[in-house]
Each structure stands twice: as structure tokens, then as C-alpha cells.
Amino acid sequence: MTKQFDCGMSNLAKKLKKFEGHSGDITKVIFSPDGKSIASCSWDRTVILWDVQSGKAARKFPPYLDRVNEVLFSPDGQQILSSADKTIEFWDVNSGKKVKELKGHSDCVMKVLFSSDGCFLVSCASDKTIRTWNLTSKTQIRKFTGHTSEVYDVKYLPDEQTIVSCANDFTIRLWDVKLGLEIQKLEGHSDSVSSLDISSTGNTIVSASQDGTIRLWTRCK
């Protein structure tokens, strides 16, 4: 079940629509670039495309064999990316057909992110690696190794020349995109680092951990 809210003239949100169709925990929900559609994924092994205006399911994609961890729109909104296992799959929004599949990870893919131009992709997984992909050739560009446990999140710095990742090994790591080398390892958390983000300037990293803390890190130039 997914709900939509409308603030109207008030500062408080109120329910506008309720989207029903999943039968299990919903793990992620995201708007399309034009704001007219919503995509959601669930532990019920499905991905659903919703029409915002009607509140109804516009399309249900073929079910996976396991719970779906990631769903994402392509920058042009014409494709939906999803992952529930070792693969990353791309679906045409209009036809519902699978248009490409990326294979390379040896364990569950946790997070995926497009480059700003939509030509490249970065992914992280439970296999302890980060990988970059060329979407035109549908091939892996580079594998980044160094984390000693599952990698939970990955982001590009604004210039997209550096990747930042966090993992179950309590660390945050910075990587050179072109060389595939680790630039820096940030240590301080006392438990798994589950999420991170980058400031718009690229100078500050924020991380969240299962140790109960959120930490800010300043990049040294």
C-alpha cells in the first residue's frame, strides 16, 4: 500500500491517494522524472508502475524469484531499472518488456545509480564490490575491490570522477572512477555504515550507521 499526500493551503500534509497492489513490505518508491508516474518495489518480488493521477497500477512487471531491493527510473523516464539478485534489469515503461540485463555481480545488488547523462551506471552489492557499467555496450567497465563486507550504498561526487561507498565493514571509501583505485578510507563508525550522501558542492559527505550516529566528513583538497 502506497499513499500520496497534498499540502493544499496548510503546512501540514494530508492524504490525497492510496495506492494498493503490493502484498509485502515495500522497499522503495520513486517518482518518474516528469512526476506523472511512481515506481515501487517490494518483498513480494514485484515491481509496479503507478499512474499518479488515477492512483492505479499502470503496469506490473514479471515477478522475481526473490524480494526486490532496488528500483530506479532512467534519466529520460523511458526505462525502469530493478534488481532483486545478482543482475540489474531494464524494462521499457511503455511495453513492459525487458530491454537489457547487466551481469557481473556474484551476490545481491544493493544499490544502483545513473550518471548524470544516463550513459553510465554504478552499482554496489553484497559481493563486497562496486562496479561501473557502459549502458551503450551493456558491458562492465571496472570492478572496485577493497571493502571486506557487503557494500550498502554508493554515490558519485558532482564531477562524477570520484565514487563514494559505504559498507558493512564500518568504512566509507572514495574511489577514482577512471583508474579504479581506492583514494581514501574513512574510519570512525563502530558498526555498519548503511547510507551516505554528498553535498551539492562535493566537499562534505554525510553517513548514517547502525551504531546510531550520523557523521559529517569534509574532503581535503
Protein backbone atom coordinates (compact mmCIF):
# COMPACT_ATOMS: atom_id res chain seq x y z
CA MET A 1 0.00 0.00 0.00
CA THR A 2 1.34 3.43 -1.02
CA LYS A 3 -0.21 6.79 -0.07
CA GLN A 4 0.01 10.20 -1.75
CA PHE A 5 -0.30 13.48 0.18
CA ASP A 6 -1.40 17.03 -0.72
CA CYS A 7 -0.49 20.04 1.46
CA GLY A 8 -3.04 22.43 -0.07
CA MET A 9 -3.14 25.75 1.82
CA SER A 10 -1.84 24.19 5.03
CA ASN A 11 1.67 23.48 6.20
CA LEU A 12 0.51 20.03 7.22
CA ALA A 13 0.33 17.12 4.78
CA LYS A 14 -2.89 15.23 4.23
CA LYS A 15 -3.61 12.02 2.39
CA LEU A 16 -4.51 12.51 -1.28
CA LYS A 17 -4.44 8.98 -2.68
CA LYS A 18 -3.78 5.42 -1.57
CA PHE A 19 -2.05 3.02 -3.95
CA GLU A 20 -2.77 -0.66 -3.29
CA GLY A 21 -1.31 -3.64 -5.11
CA HIS A 22 1.71 -4.99 -3.27
CA SER A 23 1.26 -7.92 -0.89
CA GLY A 24 4.51 -7.49 1.05
CA ASP A 25 6.78 -4.84 2.55
CA ILE A 26 7.53 -2.05 0.05
CA THR A 27 11.29 -1.44 -0.01
CA LYS A 28 11.49 1.62 -2.26
CA VAL A 29 9.29 4.13 -4.08
CA ILE A 30 10.40 6.75 -6.59
CA PHE A 31 8.85 9.39 -8.89
CA SER A 32 9.48 9.40 -12.63
CA PRO A 33 11.42 12.44 -13.92
CA ASP A 34 8.20 14.07 -15.17
CA GLY A 35 6.37 13.38 -11.90
CA LYS A 36 3.48 11.61 -13.65
CA SER A 37 4.38 8.08 -12.56
CA ILE A 38 5.65 6.28 -9.48
CA ALA A 39 7.61 3.03 -9.40
CA SER A 40 7.73 0.80 -6.33
CA CYS A 41 9.41 -2.47 -5.43
CA SER A 42 8.59 -4.94 -2.71
CA TRP A 43 9.49 -8.05 -0.79
CA ASP A 44 6.53 -9.61 -2.60
CA ARG A 45 9.02 -9.96 -5.52
CA THR A 46 7.29 -7.41 -7.77
CA VAL A 47 7.85 -4.00 -9.34
CA ILE A 48 4.79 -1.86 -10.05
CA LEU A 49 4.44 1.28 -12.17
CA TRP A 50 1.70 3.58 -10.88
CA ASP A 51 -0.18 6.43 -12.54
CA VAL A 52 -0.09 9.39 -10.15
CA GLN A 53 -3.29 10.98 -11.44
CA SER A 54 -5.53 7.90 -11.18
CA GLY A 55 -3.72 6.15 -8.32
CA LYS A 56 -3.95 2.88 -10.21
CA ALA A 57 -1.28 0.39 -11.27
CA ALA A 58 -0.36 1.17 -14.89
CA ARG A 59 1.87 -1.88 -15.22
CA LYS A 60 3.15 -4.81 -13.20
CA PHE A 61 6.47 -6.25 -14.28
CA PRO A 62 7.20 -10.01 -14.25
CA PRO A 63 7.84 -11.24 -10.69
CA TYR A 64 11.32 -12.04 -9.46
CA LEU A 65 12.40 -15.17 -7.62
CA ASP A 66 13.39 -13.10 -4.58
CA ARG A 67 12.45 -9.80 -2.91
CA VAL A 68 13.26 -6.69 -4.94
CA ASN A 69 15.81 -4.34 -3.37
CA GLU A 70 16.14 -1.57 -5.94
CA VAL A 71 14.01 0.32 -8.45
CA LEU A 72 15.02 3.39 -10.42
CA PHE A 73 13.90 5.41 -13.44
CA SER A 74 16.34 6.18 -16.23
CA PRO A 75 17.05 9.93 -16.53
CA ASP A 76 14.75 10.17 -19.57
CA GLY A 77 11.99 8.25 -17.77
CA GLN A 78 11.63 5.72 -20.59
CA GLN A 79 13.02 2.76 -18.66
CA ILE A 80 12.76 1.30 -15.17
CA LEU A 81 15.77 -0.39 -13.62
CA SER A 82 15.27 -3.05 -10.97
CA SER A 83 17.31 -5.63 -9.10
CA ALA A 84 16.48 -8.50 -6.79
CA ASP A 85 19.52 -10.74 -7.19
CA LYS A 86 22.91 -10.64 -8.92
CA THR A 87 21.58 -8.96 -12.05
CA ILE A 88 20.43 -5.47 -12.99
CA GLU A 89 17.45 -5.44 -15.35
CA PHE A 90 15.99 -2.68 -17.52
CA TRP A 91 12.32 -2.56 -18.51
CA ASP A 92 10.62 -0.44 -21.15
CA VAL A 93 7.99 1.69 -19.41
CA ASN A 94 5.55 1.61 -22.33
CA SER A 95 5.78 -2.02 -23.45
CA GLY A 96 6.76 -3.62 -20.15
CA LYS A 97 9.39 -5.70 -21.94
CA LYS A 98 12.89 -6.31 -20.62
CA VAL A 99 15.33 -4.42 -22.84
CA LYS A 100 18.67 -5.18 -21.22
CA GLU A 101 20.32 -7.08 -18.39
CA LEU A 102 23.67 -6.49 -16.73
CA LYS A 103 25.50 -9.45 -15.21
CA GLY A 104 28.71 -9.41 -13.21
CA HIS A 105 27.98 -9.23 -9.50
CA SER A 106 28.22 -12.55 -7.68
CA ASP A 107 25.76 -11.66 -4.91
CA CYS A 108 22.73 -9.46 -4.29
CA VAL A 109 22.85 -5.96 -5.82
CA MET A 110 22.11 -3.40 -3.10
CA LYS A 111 22.17 0.00 -4.81
CA VAL A 112 22.36 1.37 -8.36
CA LEU A 113 22.88 4.92 -9.62
CA PHE A 114 22.91 6.51 -13.08
CA SER A 115 25.49 9.03 -14.22
CA SER A 116 24.00 12.45 -14.97
CA ASP A 117 23.97 11.82 -18.74
CA GLY A 118 22.36 8.40 -18.34
CA CYS A 119 25.16 6.69 -20.27
CA PHE A 120 26.83 5.01 -17.32
CA LEU A 121 25.83 3.19 -14.17
CA VAL A 122 27.45 2.44 -10.83
CA SER A 123 26.31 -0.44 -8.61
CA CYS A 124 27.27 -1.96 -5.29
CA ALA A 125 26.48 -5.39 -3.92
CA SER A 126 26.77 -7.96 -1.17
CA ASP A 127 29.75 -9.42 -3.06
CA LYS A 128 31.86 -6.61 -1.49
CA THR A 129 32.39 -4.85 -4.83
CA ILE A 130 31.40 -1.68 -6.66
CA ARG A 131 31.10 -1.84 -10.44
CA THR A 132 30.72 0.69 -13.25
CA TRP A 133 28.88 -0.09 -16.47
CA ASN A 134 28.66 1.27 -20.01
CA LEU A 135 24.97 1.22 -20.89
CA THR A 136 25.53 1.63 -24.63
CA SER A 137 27.66 -1.50 -24.92
CA LYS A 138 25.95 -3.20 -21.94
CA THR A 139 29.35 -4.10 -20.52
CA GLN A 140 31.16 -3.74 -17.22
CA ILE A 141 33.83 -1.04 -17.27
CA ARG A 142 35.55 -1.61 -13.96
CA LYS A 143 35.33 -3.52 -10.68
CA PHE A 144 36.36 -1.75 -7.46
CA THR A 145 37.59 -4.00 -4.66
CA GLY A 146 38.68 -3.16 -1.12
CA HIS A 147 35.64 -3.40 1.12
CA THR A 148 35.71 -6.51 3.30
CA SER A 149 31.94 -6.93 3.63
CA GLU A 150 28.64 -6.07 1.92
CA VAL A 151 28.54 -2.65 0.24
CA TYR A 152 25.26 -0.89 1.06
CA ASP A 153 25.33 2.46 -0.73
CA VAL A 154 27.24 4.28 -3.46
CA LYS A 155 27.21 7.84 -4.81
CA TYR A 156 29.05 9.92 -7.40
CA LEU A 157 30.71 13.17 -6.41
CA PRO A 158 29.30 16.06 -8.51
CA ASP A 159 32.15 15.86 -11.05
CA GLU A 160 31.49 12.11 -11.41
CA GLN A 161 35.24 11.44 -11.34
CA THR A 162 35.03 10.00 -7.83
CA ILE A 163 32.75 7.37 -6.30
CA VAL A 164 31.96 7.19 -2.58
CA SER A 165 30.77 3.93 -0.99
CA CYS A 166 29.87 2.63 2.46
CA ALA A 167 29.70 -0.89 3.77
CA ASN A 168 29.15 -3.42 6.50
CA ASP A 169 32.90 -3.22 7.27
CA PHE A 170 32.22 0.10 9.14
CA THR A 171 34.07 2.16 6.50
CA ILE A 172 33.43 4.79 3.83
CA ARG A 173 35.72 4.70 0.81
CA LEU A 174 36.50 7.06 -2.06
CA TRP A 175 37.45 5.67 -5.48
CA ASP A 176 38.95 7.08 -8.66
CA VAL A 177 36.42 6.31 -11.42
CA LYS A 178 38.92 6.10 -14.28
CA LEU A 179 41.70 4.21 -12.51
CA GLY A 180 39.52 2.02 -10.30
CA LEU A 181 41.77 2.71 -7.33
CA GLU A 182 40.88 3.48 -3.73
CA ILE A 183 41.74 7.09 -2.93
CA GLN A 184 40.85 7.22 0.75
CA LYS A 185 39.28 5.17 3.53
CA LEU A 186 37.23 6.99 6.19
CA GLU A 187 37.01 5.25 9.56
CA GLY A 188 35.14 6.25 12.70
CA HIS A 189 31.83 4.40 12.78
CA SER A 190 31.65 1.43 15.16
CA ASP A 191 29.05 -0.53 13.17
CA SER A 192 27.77 -0.98 9.62
CA VAL A 193 27.52 2.20 7.54
CA SER A 194 24.15 1.84 5.82
CA SER A 195 23.69 5.09 3.91
CA LEU A 196 25.57 8.14 2.66
CA ASP A 197 25.05 11.30 0.66
CA ILE A 198 27.18 14.07 -0.83
CA SER A 199 26.64 17.83 -0.53
CA SER A 200 25.96 19.76 -3.75
CA THR A 201 29.49 21.19 -3.65
CA GLY A 202 31.00 17.74 -3.23
CA ASN A 203 33.02 18.92 -0.25
CA THR A 204 31.03 17.20 2.50
CA ILE A 205 29.96 13.58 2.95
CA VAL A 206 27.23 12.58 5.40
CA SER A 207 26.98 8.99 6.60
CA ALA A 208 24.49 7.04 8.70
CA SER A 209 25.38 3.94 10.66
CA GLN A 210 23.86 1.16 12.68
CA ASP A 211 25.99 2.48 15.56
CA GLY A 212 23.22 5.08 15.98
CA THR A 213 25.20 8.06 14.70
CA ILE A 214 25.23 10.34 11.67
CA ARG A 215 28.62 11.78 10.79
CA LEU A 216 29.88 14.56 8.54
CA TRP A 217 33.19 14.25 6.72
CA THR A 218 34.99 17.13 4.99
CA ARG A 219 37.02 16.35 1.91
CA CYS A 220 40.59 17.61 1.99
CA LYS A 221 41.69 19.10 -1.32
